[in-house]
Protein backbone atom coordinates (compact mmCIF):
# COMPACT_ATOMS: atom_id res chain seq x y z
CA MET A 1 30.13 189.24 68.19
CA SER A 2 32.79 189.16 65.54
CA TYR A 3 35.84 186.99 65.64
CA GLU A 4 38.09 190.07 66.24
CA ASP A 5 35.96 191.11 69.25
CA GLU A 6 36.28 187.64 70.72
CA LEU A 7 40.09 187.78 70.42
CA LEU A 8 40.20 191.28 71.91
CA LYS A 9 38.10 190.11 74.85
CA LYS A 10 40.38 187.14 75.47
CA PHE A 11 43.66 189.05 75.38
CA THR A 12 42.68 192.26 77.24
CA PHE A 13 43.90 192.24 80.83
CA HIS A 14 42.22 194.23 83.56
CA GLU A 15 44.05 195.40 86.74
CA GLU A 16 42.37 193.73 89.65
CA ALA A 17 41.72 195.63 92.84
CA ALA A 18 44.03 194.63 95.69
CA PRO A 19 42.39 192.42 98.27
CA PRO A 20 41.22 194.37 101.35
CA GLN A 21 43.92 192.77 103.53
CA GLN A 22 46.69 193.82 101.11
CA ALA A 23 45.35 197.37 100.88
CA GLN A 24 45.24 197.63 104.67
CA ALA A 25 48.80 196.30 104.96
CA GLN A 26 50.00 198.86 102.40
CA ALA A 27 48.32 201.68 104.29
CA SER A 28 49.88 200.50 107.56
CA SER A 29 53.31 200.37 105.87
CA ASP A 30 52.92 203.95 104.60
CA VAL A 31 52.03 205.13 108.11
CA ALA A 32 55.03 203.27 109.57
CA ILE A 33 57.38 204.89 107.04
CA SER A 34 55.95 208.31 107.86
CA LEU A 35 56.35 207.74 111.60
CA ASN A 36 59.93 206.52 111.11
CA ILE A 37 60.80 209.63 109.09
CA GLY A 38 59.26 211.83 111.78
CA LYS A 39 61.14 209.97 114.54
CA GLY A 40 64.40 210.22 112.60
CA THR A 41 63.96 213.98 112.23
CA LEU A 42 63.29 214.36 115.95
CA LEU A 43 66.38 212.31 116.79
CA LEU A 44 68.47 214.45 114.43
CA PHE A 45 67.28 217.68 116.07
CA ARG A 46 67.88 216.13 119.49
CA ASP A 47 71.46 215.20 118.59
CA ILE A 48 72.10 218.67 117.15
CA GLY A 49 70.72 220.23 120.32
CA ILE A 50 72.89 218.03 122.54
CA ALA A 51 75.99 218.84 120.45
CA PHE A 52 75.24 222.58 120.63
CA ILE A 53 74.81 222.46 124.41
CA ALA A 54 78.04 220.45 124.74
CA ILE A 55 79.93 223.04 122.68
CA VAL A 56 78.55 225.91 124.76
CA ILE A 57 79.56 224.16 127.99
CA ALA A 58 83.01 223.29 126.61
CA LEU A 59 83.62 226.91 125.61
CA GLN A 60 83.04 227.92 129.22
CA PHE A 61 86.12 225.88 130.14
CA MET A 62 88.18 225.70 126.95
CA LYS A 63 88.52 228.73 124.70
CA PRO A 64 90.46 229.11 121.44
CA MET A 65 92.64 232.21 121.18
CA VAL A 66 95.08 233.62 118.65
CA VAL A 67 98.63 234.75 119.43
CA PHE A 68 99.42 238.19 117.99
CA GLU A 69 102.89 239.06 119.29
CA HIS A 70 106.44 237.69 119.38
CA SER A 71 107.02 237.75 123.14
CA MET A 72 106.57 233.99 123.66
CA GLU A 73 108.82 232.71 120.87
CA ASP A 74 110.00 229.98 120.47
CA THR A 75 107.12 228.45 122.42
CA LEU A 76 104.33 230.34 120.67
CA PHE A 77 104.42 232.37 117.46
CA PRO A 78 102.16 235.07 115.94
CA ASN A 79 99.02 233.58 114.35
CA ASP A 80 99.25 230.39 116.41
CA TYR A 81 95.85 229.14 117.54
CA ILE A 82 95.95 228.03 121.16
CA ILE A 83 93.49 226.43 123.57
CA VAL A 84 93.18 228.14 126.95
CA SER A 85 91.75 226.33 129.96
CA MET A 86 89.41 228.99 131.30
CA HIS A 87 88.82 229.14 135.07
CA HIS A 88 91.74 226.70 135.41
CA TYR A 89 93.01 228.57 138.41
CA ASP A 90 89.61 228.54 140.09
CA PHE A 91 90.23 224.86 140.81
CA THR A 92 94.01 224.52 141.09
CA ASP A 93 97.03 226.51 142.18
CA ILE A 94 99.11 228.56 139.76
CA LYS A 95 102.33 226.65 139.22
CA PHE A 96 105.87 227.67 138.44
CA GLU A 97 106.50 227.77 134.65
CA ASP A 98 102.80 227.62 133.71
CA VAL A 99 102.10 229.52 130.48
CA ALA A 100 99.17 231.74 131.42
CA VAL A 101 96.87 234.34 129.89
CA PHE A 102 96.04 237.33 132.07
CA GLU A 103 94.44 240.74 131.83
CA SER A 104 97.10 243.43 132.03
CA GLU A 105 96.85 247.12 132.78
CA LEU A 106 98.01 247.89 129.24
CA LEU A 107 95.34 249.04 126.80
CA ASP A 108 94.69 247.73 123.30
CA ASP A 109 93.76 249.78 120.22
CA ARG A 110 90.14 249.98 121.44
CA GLY A 111 91.15 251.27 124.85
CA LYS A 112 90.33 248.00 126.60
CA PRO A 113 92.65 246.04 128.94
CA LYS A 114 95.06 243.97 126.89
CA ASN A 115 95.40 240.23 127.46
CA LEU A 116 98.99 239.01 127.64
CA ILE A 117 100.52 235.53 127.46
CA LYS A 118 103.56 234.96 129.69
CA ARG A 119 105.29 232.27 131.72
CA ILE A 120 104.97 232.15 135.51
CA ILE A 121 108.47 232.61 136.90
CA GLY A 122 107.88 233.78 140.46
CA LEU A 123 105.28 232.54 142.96
CA PRO A 124 104.26 234.49 146.09
CA GLY A 125 107.27 234.75 148.39
CA ASP A 126 109.85 234.00 145.67
CA THR A 127 112.76 236.36 145.13
CA ILE A 128 113.59 237.09 141.48
CA GLU A 129 116.76 238.76 140.26
CA VAL A 130 118.35 239.41 136.87
CA LYS A 131 122.11 239.87 136.77
CA ASP A 132 124.83 239.10 134.26
CA ASP A 133 122.15 238.33 131.65
CA THR A 134 120.79 235.52 133.84
CA VAL A 135 117.56 235.10 135.82
CA TYR A 136 117.80 233.87 139.42
CA ARG A 137 114.91 232.48 141.43
CA ASN A 138 115.59 232.28 145.16
CA GLY A 139 119.31 232.47 144.40
CA GLU A 140 119.29 229.65 141.83
CA VAL A 141 119.87 230.07 138.09
CA LEU A 142 116.69 229.41 136.08
CA ASP A 143 116.64 226.86 133.27
CA ASP A 144 116.27 228.98 130.13
CA SER A 145 116.27 226.15 127.55
CA TYR A 146 112.76 227.16 126.40
CA THR A 147 113.69 230.81 125.79
CA LYS A 148 114.41 232.15 122.32
CA GLU A 149 118.09 233.05 122.76
CA HIS A 150 118.79 231.31 126.09
CA ILE A 151 119.69 234.63 127.60
CA THR A 152 117.99 237.45 129.50
CA ARG A 153 119.77 240.69 128.84
CA GLY A 154 119.85 243.49 131.39
CA GLN A 155 119.87 243.82 135.13
CA MET A 156 117.12 243.81 137.75
CA ASP A 157 117.64 244.12 141.48
CA PRO A 158 116.15 241.35 143.62
CA VAL A 159 112.38 241.65 144.16
CA THR A 160 110.19 239.52 146.39
CA VAL A 161 106.81 238.53 144.97
CA PRO A 162 103.98 239.77 147.24
CA PRO A 163 101.16 237.51 148.48
CA ASN A 164 98.61 236.60 145.76
CA GLN A 165 100.89 238.11 143.12
CA TYR A 166 103.02 236.49 140.41
CA PHE A 167 106.13 237.43 138.47
CA VAL A 168 105.89 236.67 134.74
CA LEU A 169 108.35 236.69 131.84
CA GLY A 170 107.99 236.11 128.12
CA ASP A 171 110.06 233.35 126.55
CA ASN A 172 111.44 235.86 124.04
CA ARG A 173 112.99 237.94 126.78
CA GLN A 174 114.60 240.47 124.44
CA VAL A 175 111.25 241.87 123.23
CA SER A 176 108.82 240.85 125.97
CA LYS A 177 107.08 243.47 128.07
CA ASP A 178 106.53 241.62 131.34
CA SER A 179 107.00 241.89 135.12
CA ARG A 180 110.37 243.55 134.59
CA SER A 181 108.43 246.56 133.32
CA ALA A 182 106.55 248.89 135.64
CA THR A 183 103.71 248.97 133.07
CA VAL A 184 103.08 245.27 133.74
CA GLY A 185 104.62 244.55 137.11
CA PHE A 186 103.36 241.75 139.33
CA VAL A 187 100.18 240.01 138.22
CA SER A 188 97.46 239.35 140.78
CA LYS A 189 95.62 236.05 140.81
CA ASN A 190 92.26 237.69 140.13
CA ARG A 191 93.61 238.94 136.78
CA MET A 192 94.50 235.43 135.62
CA ILE A 193 92.22 234.31 132.76
CA GLY A 194 93.48 230.78 132.25
CA LYS A 195 96.28 228.39 131.44
CA VAL A 196 97.49 227.73 127.90
CA VAL A 197 97.20 223.96 127.45
CA PHE A 198 97.46 223.28 123.73
CA ARG A 199 98.90 224.74 120.56
CA LEU A 200 96.28 223.79 117.95
CA LEU A 201 97.39 225.47 114.72
CA PRO A 202 99.40 225.20 112.62
CA ILE A 203 98.74 221.44 112.61
CA SER A 204 102.38 220.66 111.86
CA THR A 205 103.40 222.06 115.26
CA ALA A 206 100.33 221.12 117.29
CA ARG A 207 101.31 220.01 120.77
CA ILE A 208 100.69 220.35 124.49
CA VAL A 209 102.14 223.62 125.80
CA SER A 210 104.54 223.30 128.69
């Protein structure tokens, strides 16, 4: 063997096979990583499924809606996004001055019953009257600080709200079509959709509705 061959033999390194124990440990590590990835994927899908179910359930009780008209200014404005507590009145009584969504007998552009947003002014048995541009409930002047112009123009003879019916007014009383109109009239409890609880958008005016 030549001198060059001897040097080549001395300085050539050969990769040694991993000991059996090391190879087995590596294989076990690969399996563990694979199992962890699989478990992580399952947990992700589980969390997504739980979130989806939670959203579906929440939407049964809380529903976002958009305001289209001016009749509730200055409480609500067109294009406001609001949150309505659906079935709210299945569990609690309708209260004086609640802002509620109900199905009216008016028809929308598609010929379907139109949903309106108004404030509850008269409960069953209450007597409502409008005179001298002022609303009276059971003979007492109503607080109109939340209305657009703090005035209710026109006259309306006293009316007594029938059982299971409600008298509603818009906060913008000059343009609102409400219980003063024969086309709306009293609103029965079974037509109530829910209570407006939150004004969501625009963010700058987000607040609880009262």
